[in-house]
N, C-alpha and C. Protein backbone atom coordinates (compact mmCIF):
# COMPACT_ATOMS: atom_id res chain seq x y z
N UNK A 1 -11.79 -6.50 15.66
CA UNK A 1 -11.95 -5.93 14.33
C UNK A 1 -11.14 -6.76 13.34
N UNK A 2 -11.76 -7.21 12.25
CA UNK A 2 -11.03 -8.00 11.26
C UNK A 2 -10.05 -7.13 10.47
N UNK A 3 -8.98 -7.76 10.01
CA UNK A 3 -7.97 -7.05 9.22
C UNK A 3 -8.53 -6.70 7.85
N UNK A 4 -8.12 -5.51 7.32
CA UNK A 4 -8.56 -5.11 5.98
C UNK A 4 -7.82 -5.94 4.94
N UNK A 5 -8.42 -6.11 3.77
CA UNK A 5 -7.73 -6.85 2.71
C UNK A 5 -6.44 -6.12 2.31
N UNK A 6 -5.43 -6.88 1.99
CA UNK A 6 -4.15 -6.30 1.62
C UNK A 6 -3.79 -6.66 0.19
N UNK A 7 -3.28 -5.68 -0.57
CA UNK A 7 -2.85 -5.99 -1.94
C UNK A 7 -1.62 -6.88 -1.92
N UNK A 8 -1.46 -7.67 -2.97
CA UNK A 8 -0.34 -8.59 -3.06
C UNK A 8 0.97 -7.93 -3.41
N UNK A 9 2.02 -8.67 -3.22
CA UNK A 9 3.38 -8.23 -3.53
C UNK A 9 3.48 -7.80 -4.98
N UNK A 10 4.10 -6.63 -5.21
CA UNK A 10 4.32 -6.12 -6.55
C UNK A 10 3.17 -5.32 -7.12
N UNK A 11 2.07 -5.22 -6.40
CA UNK A 11 0.92 -4.45 -6.91
C UNK A 11 1.19 -2.96 -6.77
N UNK A 12 0.80 -2.20 -7.79
CA UNK A 12 0.93 -0.75 -7.77
C UNK A 12 -0.32 -0.19 -7.08
N UNK A 13 -0.10 0.66 -6.09
CA UNK A 13 -1.22 1.23 -5.33
C UNK A 13 -1.18 2.75 -5.36
N UNK A 14 -2.34 3.35 -5.20
CA UNK A 14 -2.46 4.79 -4.99
C UNK A 14 -3.07 4.94 -3.61
N UNK A 15 -2.48 5.81 -2.80
CA UNK A 15 -2.98 5.94 -1.43
C UNK A 15 -3.02 7.39 -0.98
N UNK A 16 -3.85 7.64 0.01
CA UNK A 16 -3.94 8.95 0.64
C UNK A 16 -2.73 9.12 1.53
N UNK A 17 -1.94 10.15 1.26
CA UNK A 17 -0.71 10.37 2.01
C UNK A 17 -1.03 10.79 3.44
N UNK A 18 -0.60 9.99 4.44
CA UNK A 18 -0.88 10.35 5.82
C UNK A 18 -0.03 11.52 6.35
N UNK A 19 0.98 11.93 5.57
CA UNK A 19 1.85 13.04 5.97
C UNK A 19 1.22 14.36 5.54
N UNK A 20 0.60 15.06 6.48
CA UNK A 20 -0.10 16.31 6.17
C UNK A 20 0.84 17.42 5.68
N UNK A 21 2.12 17.32 5.96
CA UNK A 21 3.08 18.35 5.54
C UNK A 21 3.66 18.07 4.15
N UNK A 22 3.40 16.91 3.58
CA UNK A 22 3.90 16.55 2.25
C UNK A 22 3.06 17.28 1.21
N UNK A 23 3.68 17.79 0.14
CA UNK A 23 2.92 18.55 -0.87
C UNK A 23 1.92 17.71 -1.69
N UNK A 24 2.11 16.40 -1.76
CA UNK A 24 1.21 15.55 -2.54
C UNK A 24 0.21 14.84 -1.63
N UNK A 25 -1.08 15.02 -1.92
CA UNK A 25 -2.11 14.36 -1.12
C UNK A 25 -2.24 12.89 -1.48
N UNK A 26 -1.98 12.56 -2.76
CA UNK A 26 -2.08 11.19 -3.22
C UNK A 26 -0.72 10.73 -3.73
N UNK A 27 -0.33 9.53 -3.38
CA UNK A 27 0.99 9.01 -3.74
C UNK A 27 0.82 7.61 -4.33
N UNK A 28 1.70 7.25 -5.26
CA UNK A 28 1.72 5.90 -5.81
C UNK A 28 2.95 5.18 -5.30
N UNK A 29 2.83 3.89 -5.14
CA UNK A 29 3.95 3.07 -4.73
C UNK A 29 3.71 1.63 -5.11
N UNK A 30 4.68 0.78 -4.82
CA UNK A 30 4.60 -0.65 -5.13
C UNK A 30 4.71 -1.43 -3.83
N UNK A 31 3.78 -2.35 -3.61
CA UNK A 31 3.83 -3.18 -2.41
C UNK A 31 5.08 -4.05 -2.51
N UNK A 32 5.94 -3.98 -1.48
CA UNK A 32 7.23 -4.64 -1.56
C UNK A 32 7.40 -5.81 -0.59
N UNK A 33 6.33 -6.23 0.04
CA UNK A 33 6.43 -7.36 0.97
C UNK A 33 5.06 -7.77 1.45
N UNK A 34 5.02 -8.75 2.33
CA UNK A 34 3.74 -9.21 2.83
C UNK A 34 3.25 -8.31 3.96
N UNK A 35 1.96 -8.32 4.16
CA UNK A 35 1.36 -7.46 5.19
C UNK A 35 1.59 -8.03 6.58
N UNK A 36 1.49 -7.15 7.54
CA UNK A 36 1.49 -7.54 8.96
C UNK A 36 0.24 -6.96 9.58
N UNK A 37 -0.24 -7.60 10.63
CA UNK A 37 -1.44 -7.13 11.31
C UNK A 37 -1.05 -6.64 12.70
N UNK A 38 -1.45 -5.42 13.01
CA UNK A 38 -1.22 -4.85 14.34
C UNK A 38 -2.09 -5.63 15.32
N UNK A 39 -1.50 -6.30 16.31
CA UNK A 39 -2.29 -7.12 17.22
C UNK A 39 -3.26 -6.33 18.10
N UNK A 40 -2.98 -5.05 18.32
CA UNK A 40 -3.87 -4.24 19.18
C UNK A 40 -5.06 -3.68 18.42
N UNK A 41 -4.87 -3.31 17.16
CA UNK A 41 -5.95 -2.68 16.39
C UNK A 41 -6.58 -3.61 15.36
N UNK A 42 -5.84 -4.65 14.96
CA UNK A 42 -6.32 -5.55 13.93
C UNK A 42 -6.15 -4.99 12.52
N UNK A 43 -5.49 -3.85 12.38
CA UNK A 43 -5.28 -3.24 11.06
C UNK A 43 -4.09 -3.86 10.36
N UNK A 44 -4.23 -3.98 9.03
CA UNK A 44 -3.14 -4.50 8.20
C UNK A 44 -2.23 -3.36 7.76
N UNK A 45 -0.94 -3.64 7.72
CA UNK A 45 0.06 -2.68 7.25
C UNK A 45 0.90 -3.39 6.19
N UNK A 46 1.29 -2.65 5.14
CA UNK A 46 2.12 -3.22 4.09
C UNK A 46 3.33 -2.33 3.83
N UNK A 47 4.48 -2.95 3.52
CA UNK A 47 5.64 -2.15 3.12
C UNK A 47 5.45 -1.69 1.67
N UNK A 48 5.77 -0.42 1.42
CA UNK A 48 5.56 0.16 0.09
C UNK A 48 6.84 0.84 -0.38
N UNK A 49 7.26 0.50 -1.59
CA UNK A 49 8.41 1.14 -2.22
C UNK A 49 7.90 2.38 -2.94
N UNK A 50 8.46 3.54 -2.60
CA UNK A 50 8.03 4.81 -3.16
C UNK A 50 8.86 5.18 -4.39
N UNK A 51 8.36 6.11 -5.21
CA UNK A 51 9.09 6.50 -6.42
C UNK A 51 10.51 7.03 -6.17
N UNK A 52 10.76 7.61 -4.99
CA UNK A 52 12.10 8.14 -4.70
C UNK A 52 13.06 7.07 -4.18
N UNK A 53 12.59 5.80 -4.14
CA UNK A 53 13.45 4.70 -3.71
C UNK A 53 13.38 4.37 -2.23
N UNK A 54 12.69 5.19 -1.46
CA UNK A 54 12.56 4.91 -0.03
C UNK A 54 11.40 3.94 0.20
N UNK A 55 11.35 3.37 1.38
CA UNK A 55 10.28 2.44 1.73
C UNK A 55 9.54 2.98 2.94
N UNK A 56 8.24 2.79 2.95
CA UNK A 56 7.42 3.17 4.10
C UNK A 56 6.51 2.00 4.42
N UNK A 57 5.97 2.00 5.63
CA UNK A 57 4.98 0.99 6.02
C UNK A 57 3.65 1.73 6.10
N UNK A 58 2.67 1.25 5.36
CA UNK A 58 1.41 1.95 5.17
C UNK A 58 0.23 1.18 5.74
N UNK A 59 -0.62 1.88 6.48
CA UNK A 59 -1.88 1.31 6.96
C UNK A 59 -2.77 1.11 5.73
N UNK A 60 -3.30 -0.08 5.54
CA UNK A 60 -4.06 -0.37 4.33
C UNK A 60 -5.36 0.43 4.22
N UNK A 61 -5.83 1.03 5.31
CA UNK A 61 -7.05 1.86 5.21
C UNK A 61 -6.81 3.10 4.35
N UNK A 62 -5.55 3.49 4.15
CA UNK A 62 -5.22 4.65 3.33
C UNK A 62 -5.17 4.34 1.84
N UNK A 63 -5.23 3.06 1.46
CA UNK A 63 -5.14 2.68 0.05
C UNK A 63 -6.46 3.00 -0.65
N UNK A 64 -6.37 3.77 -1.73
CA UNK A 64 -7.55 4.18 -2.48
C UNK A 64 -7.76 3.32 -3.72
N UNK A 65 -6.67 2.87 -4.33
CA UNK A 65 -6.78 2.14 -5.60
C UNK A 65 -5.65 1.14 -5.71
N UNK A 66 -5.97 -0.04 -6.21
CA UNK A 66 -4.96 -1.07 -6.50
C UNK A 66 -5.05 -1.35 -7.99
N UNK A 67 -3.93 -1.23 -8.71
CA UNK A 67 -3.91 -1.50 -10.15
C UNK A 67 -4.32 -2.94 -10.39
N UNK A 68 -5.10 -3.16 -11.42
CA UNK A 68 -5.49 -4.52 -11.78
C UNK A 68 -4.26 -5.29 -12.23
N UNK A 69 -4.26 -6.58 -11.95
CA UNK A 69 -3.15 -7.43 -12.35
C UNK A 69 -3.47 -8.12 -13.66
N UNK A 70 -2.41 -8.44 -14.43
CA UNK A 70 -2.62 -9.23 -15.64
C UNK A 70 -2.70 -10.70 -15.26
N UNK A 71 -2.77 -11.59 -16.23
CA UNK A 71 -2.96 -13.00 -15.94
C UNK A 71 -1.80 -13.63 -15.18
N UNK A 72 -0.60 -13.00 -15.22
CA UNK A 72 0.55 -13.50 -14.48
C UNK A 72 0.62 -12.94 -13.07
N UNK A 73 -0.33 -12.07 -12.71
CA UNK A 73 -0.35 -11.48 -11.38
C UNK A 73 0.43 -10.18 -11.27
N UNK A 74 0.95 -9.67 -12.40
CA UNK A 74 1.70 -8.41 -12.39
C UNK A 74 0.77 -7.24 -12.59
N UNK A 75 1.06 -6.12 -11.95
CA UNK A 75 0.22 -4.93 -12.10
C UNK A 75 0.38 -4.34 -13.48
N UNK A 76 -0.73 -3.90 -14.05
CA UNK A 76 -0.70 -3.21 -15.34
C UNK A 76 -0.39 -1.75 -15.07
N UNK A 77 0.60 -1.21 -15.73
CA UNK A 77 0.94 0.19 -15.54
C UNK A 77 0.80 0.92 -16.84
């Protein structure tokens, strides 16, 4: 299975929260590093900086939206 496309460093993303016990179904964060590919599944994972300052590693299949970048490659917020 080919790896899913991964958003670039610094891109603002909205994703489906995989934590069923969390009160928010959709969460925003900023991609904080390069993706890695799980060798067994072929899925891409990216580190994401969350609004509360913590970091999580997210399966890219959960990403619903990636903010468009401006001409310098920065996300428009």
